[in-house]
């Protein structure tokens, strides 16, 4: 069975969608089969981050509710072998339950090495559906106080998940110095072990606007940080990136 990983944040605007896309693309480049599921219902943008803008015709609710098989609904990336996307519906069907989502994830886990779920912000129904079948959760936070507080609140809702890790995103060294804080301080605030530090990188926006996956710009900046996170998910010992 493949590994089901939910990427969440509690607070919106932390960059969890770009992290989901960057890590998924990195795993695909490592030769793994990866399915990304956008569960940000009504605000889906993972297709843009992956360079698959508006290619998906069916969504994950169509599969969970038995209207379409997963193999037909998932859209394969034209350039990244092994990477596929299952997008989100524009609204939440009343008949979509956690049990049906778990069944979908069991099917996906039997077909792919990794299933990465882009969770909606907040701790409502969408968050609960996105985490109900997860083996691991990555909580994405930035270094501002409100993001770290929301990360704490998110962790409190994840006591049923054995492996929960922190991703510090959009890190700016100058801001850290001005705030007189460190990544260690952020880890202590969030109460989570660290799996990756991702620098602020204009390539994230440039790639999304051009319909390109972040990995298309080579191994540097945010792309390198996502590659390192993917290696750690594979069980490899990789030093945390030092951002200067």
C-alpha atoms as a PDB file:
ATOM      1  CA  UNK A   1       0.000   0.000   0.000  1.00  0.00           C
ATOM      2  CA  UNK A   2       1.094   3.524  -0.753  1.00  0.00           C
ATOM      3  CA  UNK A   3       1.551   6.251   1.853  1.00  0.00           C
ATOM      4  CA  UNK A   4      -1.249   8.784   2.297  1.00  0.00           C
ATOM      5  CA  UNK A   5       0.107  12.233   3.222  1.00  0.00           C
ATOM      6  CA  UNK A   6      -2.059  15.262   3.978  1.00  0.00           C
ATOM      7  CA  UNK A   7      -0.540  18.731   3.659  1.00  0.00           C
ATOM      8  CA  UNK A   8      -2.405  21.217   5.836  1.00  0.00           C
ATOM      9  CA  UNK A   9      -1.879  24.521   7.572  1.00  0.00           C
ATOM     10  CA  UNK A  10      -4.743  25.658   9.759  1.00  0.00           C
ATOM     11  CA  UNK A  11      -4.192  29.204   8.537  1.00  0.00           C
ATOM     12  CA  UNK A  12      -4.616  30.100   4.876  1.00  0.00           C
ATOM     13  CA  UNK A  13      -1.855  31.692   2.823  1.00  0.00           C
ATOM     14  CA  UNK A  14       1.039  29.599   4.130  1.00  0.00           C
ATOM     15  CA  UNK A  15       1.846  28.095   0.717  1.00  0.00           C
ATOM     16  CA  UNK A  16       0.662  24.553   1.391  1.00  0.00           C
ATOM     17  CA  UNK A  17      -0.491  24.116  -2.230  1.00  0.00           C
ATOM     18  CA  UNK A  18       2.953  24.974  -3.609  1.00  0.00           C
ATOM     19  CA  UNK A  19       4.524  22.606  -1.049  1.00  0.00           C
ATOM     20  CA  UNK A  20       2.134  19.818  -2.075  1.00  0.00           C
ATOM     21  CA  UNK A  21       2.962  20.326  -5.751  1.00  0.00           C
ATOM     22  CA  UNK A  22       6.700  20.685  -5.218  1.00  0.00           C
ATOM     23  CA  UNK A  23       7.030  17.588  -3.041  1.00  0.00           C
ATOM     24  CA  UNK A  24       4.776  15.527  -5.321  1.00  0.00           C
ATOM     25  CA  UNK A  25       6.756  16.494  -8.422  1.00  0.00           C
ATOM     26  CA  UNK A  26      10.010  15.684  -6.623  1.00  0.00           C
ATOM     27  CA  UNK A  27       8.773  12.216  -5.654  1.00  0.00           C
ATOM     28  CA  UNK A  28       7.731  11.611  -9.264  1.00  0.00           C
ATOM     29  CA  UNK A  29      11.206  12.616 -10.455  1.00  0.00           C
ATOM     30  CA  UNK A  30      12.583  10.019  -8.030  1.00  0.00           C
ATOM     31  CA  UNK A  31      10.636   7.376  -9.928  1.00  0.00           C
ATOM     32  CA  UNK A  32       7.683   7.070  -7.570  1.00  0.00           C
ATOM     33  CA  UNK A  33       4.061   6.964  -8.691  1.00  0.00           C
ATOM     34  CA  UNK A  34       2.250   9.892  -7.079  1.00  0.00           C
ATOM     35  CA  UNK A  35      -1.380  10.957  -6.980  1.00  0.00           C
ATOM     36  CA  UNK A  36      -2.177  14.480  -5.827  1.00  0.00           C
ATOM     37  CA  UNK A  37      -5.700  15.016  -4.533  1.00  0.00           C
ATOM     38  CA  UNK A  38      -6.915  18.596  -4.256  1.00  0.00           C
ATOM     39  CA  UNK A  39      -9.390  18.662  -1.373  1.00  0.00           C
ATOM     40  CA  UNK A  40      -9.603  22.444  -1.179  1.00  0.00           C
ATOM     41  CA  UNK A  41     -13.264  22.361  -2.183  1.00  0.00           C
ATOM     42  CA  UNK A  42     -14.387  25.514  -3.978  1.00  0.00           C
ATOM     43  CA  UNK A  43     -10.901  27.075  -3.942  1.00  0.00           C
ATOM     44  CA  UNK A  44      -8.899  24.473  -5.852  1.00  0.00           C
ATOM     45  CA  UNK A  45      -5.549  25.656  -7.223  1.00  0.00           C
ATOM     46  CA  UNK A  46      -3.349  22.558  -7.139  1.00  0.00           C
ATOM     47  CA  UNK A  47      -3.811  22.103 -10.891  1.00  0.00           C
ATOM     48  CA  UNK A  48      -2.101  25.474 -11.412  1.00  0.00           C
ATOM     49  CA  UNK A  49       0.784  24.583  -9.101  1.00  0.00           C
ATOM     50  CA  UNK A  50       1.349  21.334 -11.034  1.00  0.00           C
ATOM     51  CA  UNK A  51       1.013  22.891 -14.477  1.00  0.00           C
ATOM     52  CA  UNK A  52      -2.258  21.016 -15.153  1.00  0.00           C
ATOM     53  CA  UNK A  53      -4.547  24.019 -15.344  1.00  0.00           C
ATOM     54  CA  UNK A  54      -8.168  22.988 -16.069  1.00  0.00           C
ATOM     55  CA  UNK A  55      -7.228  19.578 -17.507  1.00  0.00           C
ATOM     56  CA  UNK A  56      -9.329  17.632 -14.994  1.00  0.00           C
ATOM     57  CA  UNK A  57     -12.943  16.911 -15.946  1.00  0.00           C
ATOM     58  CA  UNK A  58     -13.910  14.666 -13.015  1.00  0.00           C
ATOM     59  CA  UNK A  59     -13.149  15.323  -9.348  1.00  0.00           C
ATOM     60  CA  UNK A  60     -12.498  13.272  -6.213  1.00  0.00           C
ATOM     61  CA  UNK A  61     -16.167  13.345  -5.188  1.00  0.00           C
ATOM     62  CA  UNK A  62     -17.079  11.652  -8.482  1.00  0.00           C
ATOM     63  CA  UNK A  63     -14.767   8.781  -7.535  1.00  0.00           C
ATOM     64  CA  UNK A  64     -15.755   8.638  -3.853  1.00  0.00           C
ATOM     65  CA  UNK A  65     -19.455   8.555  -4.771  1.00  0.00           C
ATOM     66  CA  UNK A  66     -18.995   5.878  -7.415  1.00  0.00           C
ATOM     67  CA  UNK A  67     -19.740   8.007 -10.467  1.00  0.00           C
ATOM     68  CA  UNK A  68     -16.326   7.448 -12.066  1.00  0.00           C
ATOM     69  CA  UNK A  69     -13.400   5.039 -11.506  1.00  0.00           C
ATOM     70  CA  UNK A  70     -10.183   6.534 -10.160  1.00  0.00           C
ATOM     71  CA  UNK A  71      -8.180   5.412 -13.187  1.00  0.00           C
ATOM     72  CA  UNK A  72     -10.379   7.521 -15.461  1.00  0.00           C
ATOM     73  CA  UNK A  73     -10.764  10.554 -13.196  1.00  0.00           C
ATOM     74  CA  UNK A  74      -7.049  11.031 -12.384  1.00  0.00           C
ATOM     75  CA  UNK A  75      -5.234  13.236 -14.913  1.00  0.00           C
ATOM     76  CA  UNK A  76      -1.670  12.213 -15.803  1.00  0.00           C
ATOM     77  CA  UNK A  77       0.978  14.919 -16.101  1.00  0.00           C
ATOM     78  CA  UNK A  78       2.205  15.220 -19.695  1.00  0.00           C
ATOM     79  CA  UNK A  79       5.839  15.853 -18.715  1.00  0.00           C
ATOM     80  CA  UNK A  80       6.346  14.252 -15.294  1.00  0.00           C
ATOM     81  CA  UNK A  81       5.996  10.494 -15.575  1.00  0.00           C
ATOM     82  CA  UNK A  82       4.205   8.954 -12.617  1.00  0.00           C
ATOM     83  CA  UNK A  83       2.495  12.158 -11.456  1.00  0.00           C
ATOM     84  CA  UNK A  84      -1.304  12.424 -11.560  1.00  0.00           C
ATOM     85  CA  UNK A  85      -3.964  14.792 -10.215  1.00  0.00           C
ATOM     86  CA  UNK A  86      -7.460  14.258  -8.862  1.00  0.00           C
ATOM     87  CA  UNK A  87      -9.052  17.663  -8.468  1.00  0.00           C
ATOM     88  CA  UNK A  88     -11.675  19.023  -6.051  1.00  0.00           C
ATOM     89  CA  UNK A  89     -15.369  19.709  -6.682  1.00  0.00           C
ATOM     90  CA  UNK A  90     -16.633  23.280  -6.673  1.00  0.00           C
ATOM     91  CA  UNK A  91     -18.969  22.493  -3.777  1.00  0.00           C
ATOM     92  CA  UNK A  92     -19.220  19.788  -1.115  1.00  0.00           C
ATOM     93  CA  UNK A  93     -21.797  17.103  -1.984  1.00  0.00           C
ATOM     94  CA  UNK A  94     -24.086  16.366   0.967  1.00  0.00           C
ATOM     95  CA  UNK A  95     -23.636  12.622   0.446  1.00  0.00           C
ATOM     96  CA  UNK A  96     -19.821  12.741   0.706  1.00  0.00           C
ATOM     97  CA  UNK A  97     -18.798  11.149   4.007  1.00  0.00           C
ATOM     98  CA  UNK A  98     -15.515  10.375   5.723  1.00  0.00           C
ATOM     99  CA  UNK A  99     -16.098   6.655   5.140  1.00  0.00           C
ATOM    100  CA  UNK A 100     -16.402   7.223   1.393  1.00  0.00           C
ATOM    101  CA  UNK A 101     -13.236   9.330   1.366  1.00  0.00           C
ATOM    102  CA  UNK A 102     -11.378   6.599   3.284  1.00  0.00           C
ATOM    103  CA  UNK A 103     -12.527   4.036   0.722  1.00  0.00           C
ATOM    104  CA  UNK A 104     -11.249   6.292  -2.076  1.00  0.00           C
ATOM    105  CA  UNK A 105      -7.893   6.621  -0.328  1.00  0.00           C
ATOM    106  CA  UNK A 106      -7.600   2.862   0.154  1.00  0.00           C
ATOM    107  CA  UNK A 107      -8.125   2.424  -3.575  1.00  0.00           C
ATOM    108  CA  UNK A 108      -5.585   5.147  -4.359  1.00  0.00           C
ATOM    109  CA  UNK A 109      -3.079   3.647  -1.926  1.00  0.00           C
ATOM    110  CA  UNK A 110      -3.278   0.385  -3.828  1.00  0.00           C
ATOM    111  CA  UNK A 111      -2.488   2.125  -7.120  1.00  0.00           C
ATOM    112  CA  UNK A 112       0.174   4.689  -6.187  1.00  0.00           C
ATOM    113  CA  UNK A 113       3.321   4.818  -4.053  1.00  0.00           C
ATOM    114  CA  UNK A 114       2.262   8.157  -2.571  1.00  0.00           C
ATOM    115  CA  UNK A 115      -1.019  10.033  -2.308  1.00  0.00           C
ATOM    116  CA  UNK A 116      -0.569  13.702  -1.393  1.00  0.00           C
ATOM    117  CA  UNK A 117      -3.682  15.572  -0.272  1.00  0.00           C
ATOM    118  CA  UNK A 118      -3.894  19.359  -0.401  1.00  0.00           C
ATOM    119  CA  UNK A 119      -6.130  20.217   2.550  1.00  0.00           C
ATOM    120  CA  UNK A 120      -8.265  23.364   2.759  1.00  0.00           C
ATOM    121  CA  UNK A 121      -7.363  26.009   5.320  1.00  0.00           C
ATOM    122  CA  UNK A 122      -9.191  25.955   8.627  1.00  0.00           C
ATOM    123  CA  UNK A 123     -10.370  23.084  10.807  1.00  0.00           C
ATOM    124  CA  UNK A 124     -13.831  22.483   9.383  1.00  0.00           C
ATOM    125  CA  UNK A 125     -15.423  19.691   7.369  1.00  0.00           C
ATOM    126  CA  UNK A 126     -12.910  19.924   4.519  1.00  0.00           C
ATOM    127  CA  UNK A 127      -9.991  19.555   6.927  1.00  0.00           C
ATOM    128  CA  UNK A 128     -11.604  16.530   8.584  1.00  0.00           C
ATOM    129  CA  UNK A 129     -12.189  14.849   5.213  1.00  0.00           C
ATOM    130  CA  UNK A 130      -8.621  15.606   4.102  1.00  0.00           C
ATOM    131  CA  UNK A 131      -7.097  14.048   7.227  1.00  0.00           C
ATOM    132  CA  UNK A 132      -9.501  11.161   7.909  1.00  0.00           C
ATOM    133  CA  UNK A 133      -7.437   8.573   6.032  1.00  0.00           C
ATOM    134  CA  UNK A 134      -3.925  10.012   6.321  1.00  0.00           C
ATOM    135  CA  UNK A 135      -0.863   8.028   7.400  1.00  0.00           C
ATOM    136  CA  UNK A 136       1.199  11.203   7.786  1.00  0.00           C
ATOM    137  CA  UNK A 137       0.491  14.919   7.980  1.00  0.00           C
ATOM    138  CA  UNK A 138       2.733  17.848   7.057  1.00  0.00           C
ATOM    139  CA  UNK A 139       1.700  21.075   8.777  1.00  0.00           C
ATOM    140  CA  UNK A 140       2.893  24.097   6.795  1.00  0.00           C
ATOM    141  CA  UNK A 141       3.529  27.340   8.688  1.00  0.00           C
ATOM    142  CA  UNK A 142       5.279  30.633   8.156  1.00  0.00           C
ATOM    143  CA  UNK A 143       7.208  32.452  10.829  1.00  0.00           C
ATOM    144  CA  UNK A 144       4.492  34.905  11.866  1.00  0.00           C
ATOM    145  CA  UNK A 145       2.840  34.454  15.239  1.00  0.00           C
ATOM    146  CA  UNK A 146      -0.687  33.864  13.916  1.00  0.00           C
ATOM    147  CA  UNK A 147       0.492  31.090  11.569  1.00  0.00           C
ATOM    148  CA  UNK A 148       2.353  29.325  14.365  1.00  0.00           C
ATOM    149  CA  UNK A 149      -0.628  29.632  16.715  1.00  0.00           C
ATOM    150  CA  UNK A 150      -2.869  28.102  14.035  1.00  0.00           C
ATOM    151  CA  UNK A 151      -0.312  25.318  13.571  1.00  0.00           C
ATOM    152  CA  UNK A 152      -0.644  24.574  17.304  1.00  0.00           C
ATOM    153  CA  UNK A 153      -4.416  24.378  16.970  1.00  0.00           C
ATOM    154  CA  UNK A 154      -4.080  22.107  13.963  1.00  0.00           C
ATOM    155  CA  UNK A 155      -1.780  19.739  15.852  1.00  0.00           C
ATOM    156  CA  UNK A 156      -4.397  19.444  18.602  1.00  0.00           C
ATOM    157  CA  UNK A 157      -6.830  18.032  16.013  1.00  0.00           C
ATOM    158  CA  UNK A 158      -4.343  15.426  14.762  1.00  0.00           C
ATOM    159  CA  UNK A 159      -3.859  13.203  17.794  1.00  0.00           C
ATOM    160  CA  UNK A 160      -5.073  10.208  15.749  1.00  0.00           C
ATOM    161  CA  UNK A 161      -2.169  10.591  13.280  1.00  0.00           C
ATOM    162  CA  UNK A 162       1.108   8.956  14.313  1.00  0.00           C
ATOM    163  CA  UNK A 163       3.464  10.987  12.106  1.00  0.00           C
ATOM    164  CA  UNK A 164       2.972  14.758  12.051  1.00  0.00           C
ATOM    165  CA  UNK A 165       5.778  17.071  10.944  1.00  0.00           C
ATOM    166  CA  UNK A 166       6.310  20.793  10.499  1.00  0.00           C
ATOM    167  CA  UNK A 167       7.295  22.532   7.259  1.00  0.00           C
ATOM    168  CA  UNK A 168       8.488  26.104   7.724  1.00  0.00           C
ATOM    169  CA  UNK A 169       7.720  27.938   4.480  1.00  0.00           C
ATOM    170  CA  UNK A 170       8.532  31.348   2.954  1.00  0.00           C
ATOM    171  CA  UNK A 171      11.434  31.885   5.312  1.00  0.00           C
ATOM    172  CA  UNK A 172      13.309  35.188   4.947  1.00  0.00           C
ATOM    173  CA  UNK A 173      16.591  35.417   6.878  1.00  0.00           C
ATOM    174  CA  UNK A 174      16.391  39.188   7.277  1.00  0.00           C
ATOM    175  CA  UNK A 175      12.934  38.912   8.814  1.00  0.00           C
ATOM    176  CA  UNK A 176      14.124  36.223  11.222  1.00  0.00           C
ATOM    177  CA  UNK A 177      16.915  38.507  12.378  1.00  0.00           C
ATOM    178  CA  UNK A 178      14.545  41.445  12.825  1.00  0.00           C
ATOM    179  CA  UNK A 179      12.127  39.318  14.817  1.00  0.00           C
ATOM    180  CA  UNK A 180      15.059  37.924  16.839  1.00  0.00           C
ATOM    181  CA  UNK A 181      13.686  34.436  16.402  1.00  0.00           C
ATOM    182  CA  UNK A 182      14.887  31.105  15.034  1.00  0.00           C
ATOM    183  CA  UNK A 183      13.484  28.009  13.364  1.00  0.00           C
ATOM    184  CA  UNK A 184      13.963  26.235  16.706  1.00  0.00           C
ATOM    185  CA  UNK A 185      11.654  28.813  18.300  1.00  0.00           C
ATOM    186  CA  UNK A 186       9.039  28.081  15.638  1.00  0.00           C
ATOM    187  CA  UNK A 187       9.327  24.327  16.237  1.00  0.00           C
ATOM    188  CA  UNK A 188       8.842  24.843  19.962  1.00  0.00           C
ATOM    189  CA  UNK A 189       5.799  27.041  19.367  1.00  0.00           C
ATOM    190  CA  UNK A 190       4.180  24.597  16.950  1.00  0.00           C
ATOM    191  CA  UNK A 191       5.179  21.591  19.049  1.00  0.00           C
ATOM    192  CA  UNK A 192       6.275  19.535  16.046  1.00  0.00           C
ATOM    193  CA  UNK A 193       9.460  17.979  14.660  1.00  0.00           C
ATOM    194  CA  UNK A 194      10.776  19.702  11.548  1.00  0.00           C
ATOM    195  CA  UNK A 195      10.833  18.004   8.144  1.00  0.00           C
ATOM    196  CA  UNK A 196      11.748  20.966   5.962  1.00  0.00           C
ATOM    197  CA  UNK A 197      12.615  24.654   5.698  1.00  0.00           C
ATOM    198  CA  UNK A 198      11.585  26.377   2.470  1.00  0.00           C
ATOM    199  CA  UNK A 199      12.895  29.835   1.542  1.00  0.00           C
ATOM    200  CA  UNK A 200      10.829  32.669   0.103  1.00  0.00           C
ATOM    201  CA  UNK A 201      11.301  32.204  -3.643  1.00  0.00           C
ATOM    202  CA  UNK A 202       9.786  34.241  -6.517  1.00  0.00           C
ATOM    203  CA  UNK A 203      10.090  31.156  -8.745  1.00  0.00           C
ATOM    204  CA  UNK A 204       7.055  29.676  -6.976  1.00  0.00           C
ATOM    205  CA  UNK A 205       4.776  32.391  -8.372  1.00  0.00           C
ATOM    206  CA  UNK A 206       6.558  32.570 -11.728  1.00  0.00           C
ATOM    207  CA  UNK A 207       6.222  28.827 -12.335  1.00  0.00           C
ATOM    208  CA  UNK A 208       2.544  28.808 -11.333  1.00  0.00           C
ATOM    209  CA  UNK A 209       1.769  31.727 -13.651  1.00  0.00           C
ATOM    210  CA  UNK A 210       3.560  29.980 -16.514  1.00  0.00           C
ATOM    211  CA  UNK A 211       1.837  26.658 -15.906  1.00  0.00           C
ATOM    212  CA  UNK A 212       5.057  24.876 -14.943  1.00  0.00           C
ATOM    213  CA  UNK A 213       5.780  22.633 -11.948  1.00  0.00           C
ATOM    214  CA  UNK A 214       8.303  24.137  -9.534  1.00  0.00           C
ATOM    215  CA  UNK A 215      10.798  21.368 -10.300  1.00  0.00           C
ATOM    216  CA  UNK A 216      11.122  22.649 -13.876  1.00  0.00           C
ATOM    217  CA  UNK A 217      13.498  25.362 -12.597  1.00  0.00           C
ATOM    218  CA  UNK A 218      16.103  22.919 -11.288  1.00  0.00           C
ATOM    219  CA  UNK A 219      17.294  22.137  -7.778  1.00  0.00           C
ATOM    220  CA  UNK A 220      17.618  25.488  -6.077  1.00  0.00           C
ATOM    221  CA  UNK A 221      15.591  27.636  -3.725  1.00  0.00           C
ATOM    222  CA  UNK A 222      12.113  26.332  -2.929  1.00  0.00           C
ATOM    223  CA  UNK A 223      12.464  23.540  -5.499  1.00  0.00           C
ATOM    224  CA  UNK A 224      15.539  22.192  -3.703  1.00  0.00           C
ATOM    225  CA  UNK A 225      13.774  22.442  -0.339  1.00  0.00           C
ATOM    226  CA  UNK A 226      10.821  20.412  -1.689  1.00  0.00           C
ATOM    227  CA  UNK A 227      13.256  17.848  -3.121  1.00  0.00           C
ATOM    228  CA  UNK A 228      14.862  17.520   0.317  1.00  0.00           C
ATOM    229  CA  UNK A 229      11.454  17.011   1.971  1.00  0.00           C
ATOM    230  CA  UNK A 230      10.684  14.290  -0.582  1.00  0.00           C
ATOM    231  CA  UNK A 231      13.977  12.575   0.248  1.00  0.00           C
ATOM    232  CA  UNK A 232      13.138  12.628   3.953  1.00  0.00           C
ATOM    233  CA  UNK A 233       9.735  11.112   3.229  1.00  0.00           C
ATOM    234  CA  UNK A 234      11.672   8.342   1.490  1.00  0.00           C
ATOM    235  CA  UNK A 235      13.609   7.777   4.712  1.00  0.00           C
ATOM    236  CA  UNK A 236      16.889   9.380   3.650  1.00  0.00           C
ATOM    237  CA  UNK A 237      19.009  11.447   6.016  1.00  0.00           C
ATOM    238  CA  UNK A 238      19.273  14.922   4.483  1.00  0.00           C
ATOM    239  CA  UNK A 239      20.508  18.022   6.343  1.00  0.00           C
ATOM    240  CA  UNK A 240      17.982  20.816   6.809  1.00  0.00           C
ATOM    241  CA  UNK A 241      18.618  23.611   4.317  1.00  0.00           C
ATOM    242  CA  UNK A 242      20.494  26.591   5.748  1.00  0.00           C
ATOM    243  CA  UNK A 243      18.880  29.778   4.478  1.00  0.00           C
ATOM    244  CA  UNK A 244      21.211  32.767   4.410  1.00  0.00           C
END
